[in-house]
Amino acid sequence: MKPKVVIYKKLPQEVLSYIKEYCQVSYYENLDSWLDPEFLTDLREAHGLMGSDMSINKELLDKAPQLKIVCNVSVGYNNFDMEELTSRGIMATNTPDVLTDTTADTIFGLLLSTARRICEMDRFVKLGSIWRFYIITEAGMKVRKNFMAQRKLN
C-alpha cells in the first residue's frame, strides 16, 4: 500500500504527478484553513504533509497520529514546532537553497539598474522627453571589473 501524503500548496503538475506515482495524494491547491473538515479527515490518515506557511504545531500534530514527515516547500522552517516534531519522531524538511540563485540574480539586476540609472532612463523615454546628448555621468557609473568597488561613495 502506498503511503498517504496530504499536499496543501499548489505544485507544478509534473511534481504532483511524480509524487502520485509513489504515494496516495490528497491535494488542496487553495486551502483556506487547516480546520477544513475534509483536510482534517485526510490529515488523520496521512504519513506525510507537504506545503508551506501553515503552522505545524502541537494542535495540528495531535490531529495527525500517523504522520512521519512534514515538508516545507520553502526556504525557512519557522512555521515548524521543531521540539514537538522531534519529540514525536517526525522528520522535517525544507528547500534551503531554492532561492539562492534567484536572489543573487535579483541583486545583480538591481546593482546594474542603479549604477546605469535604467529606471530613470526608462521613465524619461516613456514620458516622451526630448533626447539630448548625455555625458557619461548622466548615464550612470561604469560597471566593469572592480570600478564600483574602487569608487568611494560619500
Protein backbone atom coordinates (compact mmCIF):
# COMPACT_ATOMS: atom_id res chain seq x y z
CA MET A 1 0.00 0.00 0.00
CA LYS A 2 1.26 3.48 -0.91
CA PRO A 3 1.86 5.97 1.91
CA LYS A 4 -0.70 8.77 2.13
CA VAL A 5 0.52 12.33 1.59
CA VAL A 6 -1.51 15.50 2.08
CA ILE A 7 -0.36 18.43 -0.06
CA TYR A 8 -1.73 21.87 0.74
CA LYS A 9 0.15 24.08 -1.69
CA LYS A 10 -0.10 24.47 -5.45
CA LEU A 11 2.63 22.42 -7.12
CA PRO A 12 3.70 22.10 -10.76
CA GLN A 13 1.80 19.27 -12.46
CA GLU A 14 4.98 17.29 -13.17
CA VAL A 15 5.91 17.33 -9.46
CA LEU A 16 2.42 16.33 -8.42
CA SER A 17 2.38 13.50 -10.98
CA TYR A 18 5.72 12.22 -9.73
CA ILE A 19 4.53 12.15 -6.11
CA LYS A 20 1.33 10.36 -7.19
CA GLU A 21 3.42 7.54 -8.69
CA TYR A 22 4.68 6.64 -5.22
CA CYS A 23 2.03 7.97 -2.84
CA GLN A 24 -1.71 8.23 -2.37
CA VAL A 25 -2.22 12.00 -2.58
CA SER A 26 -4.87 14.31 -1.15
CA TYR A 27 -4.31 17.64 -2.88
CA TYR A 28 -5.53 21.02 -1.63
CA GLU A 29 -4.41 23.66 -4.09
CA ASN A 30 -6.06 26.54 -2.23
CA LEU A 31 -6.58 25.52 1.39
CA ASP A 32 -8.03 28.41 3.40
CA SER A 33 -7.73 26.86 6.85
CA TRP A 34 -6.33 23.67 8.30
CA LEU A 35 -9.65 23.39 10.15
CA ASP A 36 -11.35 22.38 6.89
CA PRO A 37 -13.24 19.12 7.75
CA GLU A 38 -12.11 17.25 4.63
CA PHE A 39 -8.49 18.27 5.24
CA LEU A 40 -8.72 17.08 8.86
CA THR A 41 -10.10 13.72 7.73
CA ASP A 42 -7.21 13.28 5.29
CA LEU A 43 -4.71 14.50 7.89
CA ARG A 44 -5.79 11.77 10.33
CA GLU A 45 -4.57 9.10 7.90
CA ALA A 46 -1.56 10.99 6.48
CA HIS A 47 2.01 9.74 6.63
CA GLY A 48 3.34 12.90 5.01
CA LEU A 49 2.34 16.56 4.92
CA MET A 50 3.66 18.93 2.26
CA GLY A 51 3.15 22.67 1.77
CA SER A 52 4.25 25.98 3.29
CA ASP A 53 3.03 28.79 5.53
CA MET A 54 0.95 26.52 7.77
CA SER A 55 1.88 26.41 11.43
CA ILE A 56 2.92 22.83 12.18
CA ASN A 57 2.37 22.79 15.92
CA LYS A 58 1.10 20.50 18.69
CA GLU A 59 -2.54 21.26 17.92
CA LEU A 60 -2.19 20.23 14.28
CA LEU A 61 0.08 17.26 15.05
CA ASP A 62 -2.47 15.90 17.54
CA LYS A 63 -4.81 15.51 14.56
CA ALA A 64 -2.21 13.57 12.54
CA PRO A 65 -1.30 10.46 14.56
CA GLN A 66 0.33 8.59 11.65
CA LEU A 67 2.49 11.46 10.41
CA LYS A 68 6.14 10.56 9.70
CA ILE A 69 7.37 13.59 7.74
CA VAL A 70 6.46 17.24 7.11
CA CYS A 71 7.89 19.00 4.07
CA ASN A 72 8.08 22.76 3.73
CA VAL A 73 8.08 23.83 0.10
CA SER A 74 10.01 26.95 1.05
CA VAL A 75 13.35 28.10 2.37
CA GLY A 76 12.50 28.51 6.05
CA TYR A 77 11.13 26.31 8.77
CA ASN A 78 9.99 28.91 11.30
CA ASN A 79 6.44 27.56 10.94
CA PHE A 80 7.58 24.21 12.41
CA ASP A 81 7.48 23.48 16.13
CA MET A 82 10.78 21.61 15.99
CA GLU A 83 10.66 20.47 19.62
CA GLU A 84 7.23 18.92 19.11
CA LEU A 85 8.24 17.28 15.83
CA THR A 86 11.41 15.88 17.41
CA SER A 87 9.56 14.53 20.45
CA ARG A 88 7.20 12.64 18.10
CA GLY A 89 9.98 11.36 15.85
CA ILE A 90 8.59 13.25 12.83
CA MET A 91 11.12 14.28 10.20
CA ALA A 92 11.03 17.90 9.00
CA THR A 93 12.39 19.08 5.65
CA ASN A 94 12.59 22.31 3.68
CA THR A 95 14.22 23.59 0.48
CA PRO A 96 17.05 25.79 1.81
CA ASP A 97 18.79 26.72 -1.46
CA VAL A 98 15.79 27.03 -3.76
CA LEU A 99 16.04 30.84 -3.98
CA THR A 100 19.80 31.35 -3.73
CA ASP A 101 20.42 31.88 -7.46
CA THR A 102 17.22 33.89 -7.88
CA THR A 103 18.19 36.21 -5.05
CA ALA A 104 21.71 36.67 -6.44
CA ASP A 105 20.32 37.41 -9.92
CA THR A 106 17.88 39.96 -8.50
CA ILE A 107 20.62 41.72 -6.53
CA PHE A 108 22.85 41.83 -9.60
CA GLY A 109 19.97 43.28 -11.64
CA LEU A 110 19.33 45.94 -9.00
CA LEU A 111 23.03 46.86 -8.93
CA LEU A 112 23.14 47.25 -12.72
CA SER A 113 19.88 49.15 -12.79
CA THR A 114 21.05 51.55 -10.11
CA ALA A 115 24.54 52.03 -11.50
CA ARG A 116 23.31 52.74 -15.03
CA ARG A 117 20.15 54.63 -13.97
CA ILE A 118 17.98 52.26 -16.00
CA CYS A 119 14.72 53.08 -14.19
CA GLU A 120 15.27 56.82 -14.59
CA MET A 121 16.06 56.45 -18.29
CA ASP A 122 13.02 54.19 -18.76
CA ARG A 123 10.74 56.87 -17.28
CA PHE A 124 12.45 59.52 -19.39
CA VAL A 125 11.72 57.58 -22.60
CA LYS A 126 8.13 56.71 -21.60
CA LEU A 127 7.35 60.36 -20.84
CA GLY A 128 8.40 61.23 -24.40
CA SER A 129 11.11 63.60 -23.23
CA ILE A 130 13.29 65.16 -25.88
CA TRP A 131 16.51 63.24 -26.36
CA ARG A 132 19.76 65.08 -25.96
CA PHE A 133 23.38 64.09 -25.72
CA TYR A 134 24.14 62.57 -22.34
CA ILE A 135 27.53 62.88 -20.79
CA ILE A 136 28.94 59.83 -19.01
CA THR A 137 27.77 60.89 -15.52
CA GLU A 138 24.16 61.18 -16.69
CA ALA A 139 24.29 57.61 -17.98
CA GLY A 140 25.37 56.36 -14.57
CA MET A 141 28.62 54.90 -13.36
CA LYS A 142 30.73 52.34 -15.18
CA VAL A 143 30.11 48.73 -14.34
CA ARG A 144 33.21 46.73 -15.16
CA LYS A 145 35.88 44.87 -13.27
CA ASN A 146 36.28 46.46 -9.85
CA PHE A 147 35.31 50.01 -10.81
CA MET A 148 32.32 50.13 -8.44
CA ALA A 149 34.26 48.59 -5.57
CA GLN A 150 37.16 51.05 -6.04
CA ARG A 151 34.94 54.12 -6.22
CA LYS A 152 34.47 55.90 -2.91
CA LEU A 153 30.87 56.76 -2.26
CA ASN A 154 30.13 59.62 0.16
